[in-house]
Amino acid sequence: MGCPITFSRIAKDCKGVGGIKRIALFDRTKVDLTDSSFGFLSGGTCENITLIGGYKGEEIENIVATNSFNTVMQKSLENGSVFYETDIVVQVFKMTPSKQVKLASLALGELVLWLEDNNGNVWVFGIDNPAEMLNMEAVTGTALGDKNGYQLTFKAWDKNPAPSFDFTVAGESFDFYITPVTT
């Protein structure tokens, strides 16, 4: 839904922008997911994430204006249950044999995903249940100007909305937790 515009001015609540800036994938077995490790703050923010044995996540090469996530609350009145289902779509350019092997191995594992949006928020998916890669589509295109790369689709199901990670409290940065992008 768009922001209401009145008298040629944008309403005060319309200061956010869409899109994902950075994406990192973590092997769920190497992330301490206990409540004390995550250090949840009020308002759905976590202040601490512990990676086991010096493990670092893998950052996925980001393509500007092509990645997104969408979270929908699923509620069943009949069963008295509520959960949050998130679809994450990621585009990766340029197919290579090494990229194919790496992405295929990620598809087999249970994941925790970090997404940094273009507003500077880092969202964490796969805390309650592992996030999973459901689809990896390799595309060569037909003409020189067509896409050559992959479209990855991840899904996460969590009991609560995805928390945001506050690096200012942890005293670290996004880069502290990841291995840099390799192409």
N, C-alpha and C. Protein backbone atom coordinates (compact mmCIF):
# COMPACT_ATOMS: atom_id res chain seq x y z
N MET A 1 0.84 -1.16 0.00
CA MET A 1 0.00 0.00 0.00
C MET A 1 0.88 1.23 0.00
N GLY A 2 0.57 2.17 -0.84
CA GLY A 2 1.36 3.40 -0.92
C GLY A 2 1.10 4.33 0.23
N CYS A 3 1.93 5.32 0.38
CA CYS A 3 1.78 6.31 1.42
C CYS A 3 0.84 7.42 0.95
N PRO A 4 -0.04 7.91 1.82
CA PRO A 4 -0.94 8.98 1.39
C PRO A 4 -0.15 10.28 1.15
N ILE A 5 -0.48 10.95 0.09
CA ILE A 5 0.17 12.22 -0.22
C ILE A 5 -0.87 13.32 -0.13
N THR A 6 -0.56 14.33 0.64
CA THR A 6 -1.49 15.46 0.79
C THR A 6 -0.73 16.75 0.56
N PHE A 7 -1.32 17.64 -0.18
CA PHE A 7 -0.72 18.94 -0.46
C PHE A 7 0.71 18.81 -0.97
N SER A 8 0.95 17.84 -1.84
CA SER A 8 2.26 17.60 -2.44
C SER A 8 3.35 17.29 -1.42
N ARG A 9 2.97 16.76 -0.28
CA ARG A 9 3.95 16.36 0.75
C ARG A 9 3.75 14.90 1.09
N ILE A 10 4.83 14.22 1.37
CA ILE A 10 4.74 12.82 1.78
C ILE A 10 4.45 12.77 3.27
N ALA A 11 3.54 11.89 3.66
CA ALA A 11 3.19 11.75 5.06
C ALA A 11 4.41 11.36 5.88
N LYS A 12 4.42 11.71 7.17
CA LYS A 12 5.58 11.49 8.04
C LYS A 12 5.95 10.02 8.19
N ASP A 13 4.98 9.11 8.07
CA ASP A 13 5.28 7.69 8.28
C ASP A 13 5.83 7.00 7.04
N CYS A 14 6.12 7.73 5.99
CA CYS A 14 6.61 7.13 4.74
C CYS A 14 8.09 7.39 4.53
N LYS A 15 8.91 6.92 5.44
CA LYS A 15 10.34 7.17 5.33
C LYS A 15 11.15 5.93 5.02
N GLY A 16 10.50 4.77 4.91
CA GLY A 16 11.22 3.54 4.62
C GLY A 16 11.30 3.29 3.13
N VAL A 17 12.26 2.47 2.74
CA VAL A 17 12.43 2.08 1.34
C VAL A 17 12.45 0.56 1.26
N GLY A 18 12.17 0.04 0.09
CA GLY A 18 12.12 -1.40 -0.10
C GLY A 18 13.47 -1.98 -0.48
N GLY A 19 13.51 -3.31 -0.50
CA GLY A 19 14.69 -4.01 -0.98
C GLY A 19 15.61 -4.52 0.10
N ILE A 20 16.47 -5.44 -0.30
CA ILE A 20 17.43 -6.07 0.60
C ILE A 20 18.84 -5.66 0.18
N LYS A 21 19.63 -5.25 1.16
CA LYS A 21 20.99 -4.79 0.92
C LYS A 21 22.01 -5.94 0.98
N ARG A 22 21.87 -6.79 2.01
CA ARG A 22 22.83 -7.89 2.20
C ARG A 22 22.09 -9.13 2.70
N ILE A 23 22.66 -10.29 2.34
CA ILE A 23 22.08 -11.57 2.74
C ILE A 23 23.20 -12.48 3.20
N ALA A 24 23.01 -13.14 4.33
CA ALA A 24 24.00 -14.12 4.81
C ALA A 24 23.27 -15.38 5.27
N LEU A 25 23.88 -16.53 5.00
CA LEU A 25 23.32 -17.82 5.38
C LEU A 25 24.23 -18.47 6.41
N PHE A 26 23.62 -19.09 7.42
CA PHE A 26 24.36 -19.75 8.48
C PHE A 26 23.86 -21.18 8.63
N ASP A 27 24.78 -22.12 8.81
CA ASP A 27 24.43 -23.50 9.14
C ASP A 27 23.81 -23.46 10.53
N ARG A 28 22.56 -23.89 10.63
CA ARG A 28 21.81 -23.78 11.90
C ARG A 28 22.46 -24.57 13.03
N THR A 29 23.18 -25.64 12.71
CA THR A 29 23.81 -26.45 13.75
C THR A 29 25.01 -25.73 14.38
N LYS A 30 25.46 -24.62 13.75
CA LYS A 30 26.62 -23.90 14.27
C LYS A 30 26.24 -22.55 14.88
N VAL A 31 24.93 -22.37 15.15
CA VAL A 31 24.45 -21.15 15.79
C VAL A 31 23.79 -21.55 17.09
N ASP A 32 24.22 -20.96 18.20
CA ASP A 32 23.62 -21.24 19.50
C ASP A 32 22.28 -20.51 19.55
N LEU A 33 21.18 -21.30 19.54
CA LEU A 33 19.84 -20.72 19.46
C LEU A 33 19.11 -20.69 20.80
N THR A 34 19.84 -20.85 21.89
CA THR A 34 19.18 -20.76 23.19
C THR A 34 18.80 -19.32 23.47
N ASP A 35 17.75 -19.12 24.26
CA ASP A 35 17.29 -17.77 24.57
C ASP A 35 18.38 -16.92 25.20
N SER A 36 19.18 -17.53 26.08
CA SER A 36 20.23 -16.74 26.73
C SER A 36 21.31 -16.32 25.74
N SER A 37 21.56 -17.15 24.74
CA SER A 37 22.55 -16.81 23.73
C SER A 37 22.06 -15.66 22.85
N PHE A 38 20.78 -15.70 22.49
CA PHE A 38 20.25 -14.68 21.60
C PHE A 38 20.04 -13.36 22.31
N GLY A 39 19.83 -13.35 23.60
CA GLY A 39 19.71 -12.11 24.35
C GLY A 39 18.62 -11.21 23.82
N PHE A 40 17.39 -11.71 23.73
CA PHE A 40 16.31 -10.91 23.19
C PHE A 40 16.02 -9.70 24.04
N LEU A 41 15.89 -8.57 23.39
CA LEU A 41 15.49 -7.33 24.03
C LEU A 41 13.99 -7.15 23.81
N SER A 42 13.40 -6.20 24.50
CA SER A 42 11.98 -5.94 24.28
C SER A 42 11.79 -5.42 22.86
N GLY A 43 10.62 -5.69 22.31
CA GLY A 43 10.30 -5.20 20.98
C GLY A 43 10.85 -6.06 19.87
N GLY A 44 11.20 -7.32 20.13
CA GLY A 44 11.63 -8.22 19.07
C GLY A 44 13.02 -7.95 18.53
N THR A 45 13.90 -7.40 19.36
CA THR A 45 15.28 -7.16 18.94
C THR A 45 16.18 -8.10 19.71
N CYS A 46 17.19 -8.68 19.04
CA CYS A 46 18.15 -9.49 19.77
C CYS A 46 19.48 -8.76 19.79
N GLU A 47 20.22 -8.97 20.87
CA GLU A 47 21.46 -8.21 21.06
C GLU A 47 22.70 -9.07 20.97
N ASN A 48 22.56 -10.37 20.91
CA ASN A 48 23.74 -11.23 20.91
C ASN A 48 23.46 -12.50 20.15
N ILE A 49 24.36 -12.90 19.28
CA ILE A 49 24.26 -14.17 18.59
C ILE A 49 25.60 -14.86 18.73
N THR A 50 25.58 -16.11 19.19
CA THR A 50 26.81 -16.85 19.41
C THR A 50 26.98 -17.89 18.31
N LEU A 51 28.08 -17.78 17.58
CA LEU A 51 28.42 -18.78 16.58
C LEU A 51 29.41 -19.75 17.20
N ILE A 52 29.16 -21.04 17.04
CA ILE A 52 29.93 -22.07 17.71
C ILE A 52 31.27 -22.31 17.01
N GLY A 53 32.35 -22.33 17.79
CA GLY A 53 33.68 -22.69 17.29
C GLY A 53 34.25 -21.75 16.25
N GLY A 54 33.94 -20.47 16.35
CA GLY A 54 34.51 -19.51 15.40
C GLY A 54 33.91 -19.58 14.00
N TYR A 55 32.81 -20.30 13.86
CA TYR A 55 32.13 -20.43 12.56
C TYR A 55 31.68 -19.07 12.05
N LYS A 56 31.74 -18.88 10.74
CA LYS A 56 31.26 -17.65 10.09
C LYS A 56 30.23 -18.03 9.03
N GLY A 57 29.22 -17.20 8.87
CA GLY A 57 28.20 -17.42 7.85
C GLY A 57 28.72 -17.06 6.47
N GLU A 58 27.95 -17.43 5.46
CA GLU A 58 28.31 -17.16 4.07
C GLU A 58 27.44 -16.04 3.53
N GLU A 59 28.07 -14.95 3.09
CA GLU A 59 27.30 -13.88 2.48
C GLU A 59 27.04 -14.24 1.02
N ILE A 60 25.81 -14.01 0.58
CA ILE A 60 25.46 -14.24 -0.82
C ILE A 60 25.65 -12.95 -1.58
N GLU A 61 26.25 -13.04 -2.74
CA GLU A 61 26.42 -11.89 -3.61
C GLU A 61 25.06 -11.23 -3.82
N ASN A 62 24.98 -9.95 -3.56
CA ASN A 62 23.70 -9.25 -3.63
C ASN A 62 23.58 -8.46 -4.93
N ILE A 63 22.40 -8.55 -5.52
CA ILE A 63 22.09 -7.78 -6.70
C ILE A 63 21.07 -6.73 -6.31
N VAL A 64 21.39 -5.49 -6.51
CA VAL A 64 20.52 -4.39 -6.10
C VAL A 64 19.16 -4.50 -6.77
N ALA A 65 18.11 -4.30 -5.99
CA ALA A 65 16.73 -4.21 -6.46
C ALA A 65 16.18 -5.50 -7.06
N THR A 66 16.68 -6.66 -6.62
CA THR A 66 16.14 -7.91 -7.14
C THR A 66 15.76 -8.90 -6.04
N ASN A 67 16.07 -8.61 -4.78
CA ASN A 67 15.82 -9.55 -3.68
C ASN A 67 14.71 -9.01 -2.77
N SER A 68 13.95 -9.94 -2.19
CA SER A 68 12.87 -9.49 -1.32
C SER A 68 12.50 -10.57 -0.32
N PHE A 69 11.82 -10.15 0.75
CA PHE A 69 11.17 -11.12 1.63
C PHE A 69 9.78 -10.62 1.96
N ASN A 70 8.91 -11.57 2.23
CA ASN A 70 7.52 -11.28 2.55
C ASN A 70 7.09 -12.20 3.68
N THR A 71 6.66 -11.63 4.80
CA THR A 71 6.22 -12.43 5.94
C THR A 71 4.72 -12.28 6.11
N VAL A 72 4.04 -13.43 6.28
CA VAL A 72 2.60 -13.44 6.46
C VAL A 72 2.29 -14.18 7.76
N MET A 73 1.45 -13.56 8.60
CA MET A 73 0.99 -14.24 9.81
C MET A 73 -0.09 -15.25 9.40
N GLN A 74 0.09 -16.50 9.81
CA GLN A 74 -0.89 -17.55 9.54
C GLN A 74 -1.58 -17.87 10.85
N LYS A 75 -2.91 -17.71 10.89
CA LYS A 75 -3.67 -17.93 12.12
C LYS A 75 -4.77 -18.94 11.86
N SER A 76 -4.87 -19.91 12.76
CA SER A 76 -5.92 -20.91 12.67
C SER A 76 -6.81 -20.78 13.91
N LEU A 77 -8.03 -20.28 13.71
CA LEU A 77 -8.97 -20.18 14.83
C LEU A 77 -9.39 -21.57 15.31
N GLU A 78 -9.50 -22.51 14.37
CA GLU A 78 -9.92 -23.87 14.71
C GLU A 78 -8.91 -24.55 15.63
N ASN A 79 -7.63 -24.31 15.37
CA ASN A 79 -6.58 -24.98 16.14
C ASN A 79 -5.99 -24.10 17.23
N GLY A 80 -6.33 -22.82 17.23
CA GLY A 80 -5.79 -21.90 18.23
C GLY A 80 -4.30 -21.67 18.07
N SER A 81 -3.83 -21.62 16.81
CA SER A 81 -2.40 -21.47 16.57
C SER A 81 -2.11 -20.27 15.68
N VAL A 82 -0.91 -19.73 15.85
CA VAL A 82 -0.43 -18.62 15.04
C VAL A 82 1.04 -18.89 14.73
N PHE A 83 1.43 -18.68 13.48
CA PHE A 83 2.85 -18.74 13.13
C PHE A 83 3.09 -17.77 11.98
N TYR A 84 4.37 -17.50 11.72
CA TYR A 84 4.77 -16.53 10.71
C TYR A 84 5.54 -17.25 9.61
N GLU A 85 5.04 -17.13 8.39
CA GLU A 85 5.64 -17.79 7.24
C GLU A 85 6.30 -16.73 6.36
N THR A 86 7.57 -16.93 6.07
CA THR A 86 8.32 -15.95 5.29
C THR A 86 8.86 -16.58 4.01
N ASP A 87 8.64 -15.91 2.90
CA ASP A 87 9.22 -16.29 1.61
C ASP A 87 10.34 -15.31 1.30
N ILE A 88 11.50 -15.83 0.96
CA ILE A 88 12.67 -15.01 0.65
C ILE A 88 13.13 -15.39 -0.75
N VAL A 89 13.19 -14.42 -1.65
CA VAL A 89 13.60 -14.67 -3.02
C VAL A 89 14.90 -13.90 -3.28
N VAL A 90 15.91 -14.62 -3.76
CA VAL A 90 17.25 -14.06 -3.95
C VAL A 90 17.72 -14.34 -5.38
N GLN A 91 18.25 -13.34 -6.03
CA GLN A 91 18.83 -13.48 -7.36
C GLN A 91 20.36 -13.48 -7.24
N VAL A 92 21.01 -14.41 -7.90
CA VAL A 92 22.47 -14.48 -7.93
C VAL A 92 22.89 -14.52 -9.40
N PHE A 93 23.72 -13.58 -9.81
CA PHE A 93 24.15 -13.51 -11.20
C PHE A 93 25.37 -14.39 -11.46
N LYS A 94 25.55 -14.74 -12.72
CA LYS A 94 26.70 -15.45 -13.27
C LYS A 94 26.85 -16.86 -12.71
N MET A 95 26.43 -17.83 -13.53
CA MET A 95 26.56 -19.24 -13.15
C MET A 95 28.01 -19.67 -13.26
N THR A 96 28.49 -20.38 -12.24
CA THR A 96 29.82 -20.99 -12.28
C THR A 96 29.72 -22.36 -11.61
N PRO A 97 30.59 -23.30 -11.97
CA PRO A 97 30.55 -24.61 -11.32
C PRO A 97 30.73 -24.52 -9.80
N SER A 98 31.65 -23.66 -9.32
CA SER A 98 31.88 -23.57 -7.87
C SER A 98 30.66 -22.98 -7.16
N LYS A 99 30.00 -22.00 -7.77
CA LYS A 99 28.79 -21.42 -7.19
C LYS A 99 27.67 -22.46 -7.14
N GLN A 100 27.56 -23.26 -8.20
CA GLN A 100 26.52 -24.29 -8.26
C GLN A 100 26.70 -25.30 -7.13
N VAL A 101 27.94 -25.74 -6.90
CA VAL A 101 28.21 -26.71 -5.83
C VAL A 101 27.90 -26.09 -4.46
N LYS A 102 28.33 -24.86 -4.25
CA LYS A 102 28.11 -24.18 -2.98
C LYS A 102 26.62 -24.01 -2.70
N LEU A 103 25.87 -23.55 -3.69
CA LEU A 103 24.44 -23.34 -3.51
C LEU A 103 23.71 -24.66 -3.31
N ALA A 104 24.12 -25.70 -4.03
CA ALA A 104 23.50 -27.02 -3.87
C ALA A 104 23.74 -27.57 -2.46
N SER A 105 24.93 -27.34 -1.91
CA SER A 105 25.20 -27.82 -0.55
C SER A 105 24.37 -27.04 0.47
N LEU A 106 24.14 -25.75 0.23
CA LEU A 106 23.29 -24.96 1.13
C LEU A 106 21.85 -25.48 1.10
N ALA A 107 21.42 -25.97 -0.05
CA ALA A 107 20.05 -26.46 -0.19
C ALA A 107 19.79 -27.68 0.69
N LEU A 108 20.84 -28.41 1.04
CA LEU A 108 20.69 -29.62 1.84
C LEU A 108 20.62 -29.36 3.33
N GLY A 109 21.05 -28.18 3.77
CA GLY A 109 21.17 -27.92 5.20
C GLY A 109 20.01 -27.17 5.80
N GLU A 110 20.02 -27.15 7.14
CA GLU A 110 19.08 -26.33 7.89
C GLU A 110 19.76 -24.99 8.13
N LEU A 111 19.04 -23.91 7.85
CA LEU A 111 19.67 -22.60 7.80
C LEU A 111 19.08 -21.60 8.78
N VAL A 112 19.91 -20.62 9.12
CA VAL A 112 19.49 -19.36 9.73
C VAL A 112 19.89 -18.30 8.72
N LEU A 113 18.97 -17.40 8.37
CA LEU A 113 19.25 -16.36 7.39
C LEU A 113 19.24 -15.00 8.05
N TRP A 114 20.19 -14.16 7.64
CA TRP A 114 20.20 -12.74 8.03
C TRP A 114 19.97 -11.93 6.78
N LEU A 115 19.05 -11.00 6.86
CA LEU A 115 18.79 -10.10 5.74
C LEU A 115 18.90 -8.67 6.25
N GLU A 116 19.75 -7.89 5.63
CA GLU A 116 19.82 -6.47 5.96
C GLU A 116 19.04 -5.71 4.90
N ASP A 117 17.99 -5.01 5.33
CA ASP A 117 17.20 -4.27 4.35
C ASP A 117 17.84 -2.91 4.06
N ASN A 118 17.28 -2.21 3.11
CA ASN A 118 17.83 -0.91 2.71
C ASN A 118 17.56 0.19 3.71
N ASN A 119 16.92 -0.14 4.83
CA ASN A 119 16.69 0.82 5.91
C ASN A 119 17.68 0.59 7.05
N GLY A 120 18.60 -0.39 6.89
CA GLY A 120 19.61 -0.66 7.91
C GLY A 120 19.18 -1.67 8.96
N ASN A 121 18.00 -2.27 8.83
CA ASN A 121 17.55 -3.29 9.78
C ASN A 121 18.09 -4.66 9.36
N VAL A 122 18.56 -5.45 10.33
CA VAL A 122 18.99 -6.82 10.05
C VAL A 122 17.96 -7.75 10.65
N TRP A 123 17.30 -8.54 9.81
CA TRP A 123 16.26 -9.47 10.23
C TRP A 123 16.83 -10.88 10.27
N VAL A 124 16.43 -11.66 11.28
CA VAL A 124 16.95 -13.01 11.47
C VAL A 124 15.81 -14.02 11.30
N PHE A 125 15.98 -14.96 10.37
CA PHE A 125 14.97 -15.98 10.10
C PHE A 125 15.55 -17.36 10.38
N GLY A 126 14.68 -18.29 10.83
CA GLY A 126 15.11 -19.66 11.08
C GLY A 126 15.48 -19.91 12.53
N ILE A 127 14.96 -19.11 13.44
CA ILE A 127 15.28 -19.29 14.85
C ILE A 127 14.46 -20.43 15.46
N ASP A 128 13.14 -20.37 15.32
CA ASP A 128 12.28 -21.40 15.90
C ASP A 128 12.36 -22.71 15.13
N ASN A 129 12.37 -22.61 13.83
CA ASN A 129 12.48 -23.76 12.93
C ASN A 129 13.49 -23.39 11.86
N PRO A 130 14.19 -24.37 11.31
CA PRO A 130 15.19 -24.02 10.30
C PRO A 130 14.56 -23.42 9.05
N ALA A 131 15.22 -22.42 8.50
CA ALA A 131 14.84 -21.92 7.18
C ALA A 131 15.37 -22.92 6.17
N GLU A 132 14.69 -23.06 5.06
CA GLU A 132 15.11 -24.04 4.06
C GLU A 132 15.10 -23.42 2.67
N MET A 133 16.05 -23.87 1.84
CA MET A 133 16.03 -23.49 0.43
C MET A 133 15.07 -24.46 -0.25
N LEU A 134 13.99 -23.93 -0.80
CA LEU A 134 13.00 -24.78 -1.46
C LEU A 134 13.22 -24.90 -2.95
N ASN A 135 13.88 -23.90 -3.55
CA ASN A 135 14.01 -23.89 -4.99
C ASN A 135 15.31 -23.22 -5.39
N MET A 136 16.02 -23.82 -6.34
CA MET A 136 17.18 -23.18 -6.95
C MET A 136 17.02 -23.34 -8.45
N GLU A 137 16.73 -22.24 -9.11
CA GLU A 137 16.53 -22.26 -10.55
C GLU A 137 17.75 -21.66 -11.23
N ALA A 138 18.39 -22.44 -12.10
CA ALA A 138 19.53 -21.96 -12.88
C ALA A 138 19.02 -21.51 -14.24
N VAL A 139 19.43 -20.31 -14.67
CA VAL A 139 18.92 -19.72 -15.90
C VAL A 139 20.08 -19.21 -16.75
N THR A 140 20.09 -19.59 -18.03
CA THR A 140 21.12 -19.07 -18.94
C THR A 140 20.56 -17.98 -19.85
N GLY A 141 19.25 -17.95 -20.05
CA GLY A 141 18.67 -17.00 -21.00
C GLY A 141 18.92 -17.47 -22.42
N THR A 142 18.41 -16.69 -23.39
CA THR A 142 18.59 -17.07 -24.79
C THR A 142 19.41 -16.05 -25.58
N ALA A 143 19.38 -14.81 -25.15
CA ALA A 143 20.11 -13.75 -25.87
C ALA A 143 21.23 -13.21 -24.99
N LEU A 144 22.15 -12.47 -25.58
CA LEU A 144 23.30 -11.93 -24.84
C LEU A 144 22.88 -11.06 -23.66
N GLY A 145 21.78 -10.36 -23.77
CA GLY A 145 21.35 -9.46 -22.70
C GLY A 145 20.51 -10.13 -21.62
N ASP A 146 20.27 -11.44 -21.71
CA ASP A 146 19.43 -12.14 -20.74
C ASP A 146 20.21 -12.48 -19.47
N LYS A 147 19.46 -12.78 -18.44
CA LYS A 147 20.07 -13.14 -17.15
C LYS A 147 20.81 -14.47 -17.25
N ASN A 148 21.96 -14.53 -16.61
CA ASN A 148 22.72 -15.75 -16.44
C ASN A 148 22.97 -15.86 -14.95
N GLY A 149 22.33 -16.83 -14.32
CA GLY A 149 22.50 -16.95 -12.87
C GLY A 149 21.45 -17.84 -12.24
N TYR A 150 21.13 -17.54 -10.99
CA TYR A 150 20.25 -18.38 -10.20
C TYR A 150 19.16 -17.54 -9.54
N GLN A 151 18.02 -18.16 -9.35
CA GLN A 151 17.00 -17.60 -8.47
C GLN A 151 16.80 -18.60 -7.35
N LEU A 152 17.01 -18.16 -6.13
CA LEU A 152 16.88 -19.01 -4.95
C LEU A 152 15.63 -18.62 -4.19
N THR A 153 14.88 -19.61 -3.73
CA THR A 153 13.70 -19.35 -2.92
C THR A 153 13.87 -20.06 -1.59
N PHE A 154 13.81 -19.29 -0.52
CA PHE A 154 13.91 -19.82 0.85
C PHE A 154 12.56 -19.64 1.53
N LYS A 155 12.30 -20.49 2.53
CA LYS A 155 11.10 -20.36 3.32
C LYS A 155 11.47 -20.56 4.78
N ALA A 156 10.86 -19.73 5.63
CA ALA A 156 11.08 -19.85 7.08
C ALA A 156 9.72 -19.84 7.76
N TRP A 157 9.58 -20.68 8.78
CA TRP A 157 8.36 -20.74 9.59
C TRP A 157 8.78 -20.52 11.04
N ASP A 158 8.31 -19.45 11.63
CA ASP A 158 8.69 -19.13 13.01
C ASP A 158 7.46 -18.87 13.87
N LYS A 159 7.60 -19.10 15.18
CA LYS A 159 6.50 -18.85 16.13
C LYS A 159 6.25 -17.36 16.33
N ASN A 160 7.29 -16.57 16.14
CA ASN A 160 7.21 -15.13 16.36
C ASN A 160 7.68 -14.41 15.12
N PRO A 161 7.31 -13.14 14.96
CA PRO A 161 7.85 -12.37 13.83
C PRO A 161 9.38 -12.36 13.92
N ALA A 162 10.02 -12.27 12.79
CA ALA A 162 11.49 -12.27 12.76
C ALA A 162 12.03 -11.13 13.60
N PRO A 163 12.95 -11.43 14.53
CA PRO A 163 13.55 -10.35 15.31
C PRO A 163 14.57 -9.58 14.47
N SER A 164 14.83 -8.37 14.87
CA SER A 164 15.92 -7.63 14.24
C SER A 164 17.13 -7.75 15.14
N PHE A 165 18.31 -7.63 14.56
CA PHE A 165 19.56 -7.76 15.31
C PHE A 165 20.15 -6.38 15.47
N ASP A 166 20.48 -6.02 16.70
CA ASP A 166 21.02 -4.70 17.00
C ASP A 166 22.52 -4.80 17.22
N PHE A 167 23.30 -4.45 16.19
CA PHE A 167 24.76 -4.55 16.28
C PHE A 167 25.35 -3.53 17.24
N THR A 168 24.64 -2.43 17.49
CA THR A 168 25.18 -1.42 18.40
C THR A 168 25.26 -1.96 19.82
N VAL A 169 24.32 -2.81 20.21
CA VAL A 169 24.36 -3.42 21.54
C VAL A 169 25.46 -4.45 21.61
N ALA A 170 25.61 -5.26 20.54
CA ALA A 170 26.61 -6.33 20.53
C ALA A 170 28.03 -5.78 20.39
N GLY A 171 28.15 -4.55 19.87
CA GLY A 171 29.48 -3.98 19.70
C GLY A 171 30.23 -4.57 18.51
N GLU A 172 29.52 -5.22 17.61
CA GLU A 172 30.12 -5.84 16.43
C GLU A 172 29.49 -5.23 15.19
N SER A 173 29.81 -5.82 14.04
CA SER A 173 29.20 -5.39 12.79
C SER A 173 28.77 -6.63 12.02
N PHE A 174 28.01 -6.45 10.97
CA PHE A 174 27.56 -7.54 10.11
C PHE A 174 28.78 -8.34 9.63
N ASP A 175 29.83 -7.63 9.24
CA ASP A 175 31.02 -8.29 8.69
C ASP A 175 31.74 -9.19 9.69
N PHE A 176 31.58 -8.93 10.99
CA PHE A 176 32.23 -9.74 12.01
C PHE A 176 31.75 -11.19 11.95
N TYR A 177 30.51 -11.41 11.52
CA TYR A 177 29.89 -12.73 11.57
C TYR A 177 29.94 -13.51 10.26
N ILE A 178 30.50 -12.93 9.20
CA ILE A 178 30.41 -13.60 7.90
C ILE A 178 31.76 -13.74 7.20
N THR A 179 31.77 -14.65 6.24
CA THR A 179 32.88 -14.77 5.31
C THR A 179 32.53 -13.89 4.12
N PRO A 180 33.44 -13.05 3.65
CA PRO A 180 33.12 -12.15 2.54
C PRO A 180 32.66 -12.88 1.29
N VAL A 181 31.95 -12.17 0.45
CA VAL A 181 31.42 -12.72 -0.80
C VAL A 181 32.57 -13.20 -1.68
N THR A 182 32.39 -14.39 -2.24
CA THR A 182 33.34 -14.87 -3.24
C THR A 182 32.56 -15.14 -4.51
N THR A 183 33.14 -14.82 -5.64
CA THR A 183 32.42 -15.02 -6.91
C THR A 183 33.04 -16.12 -7.72
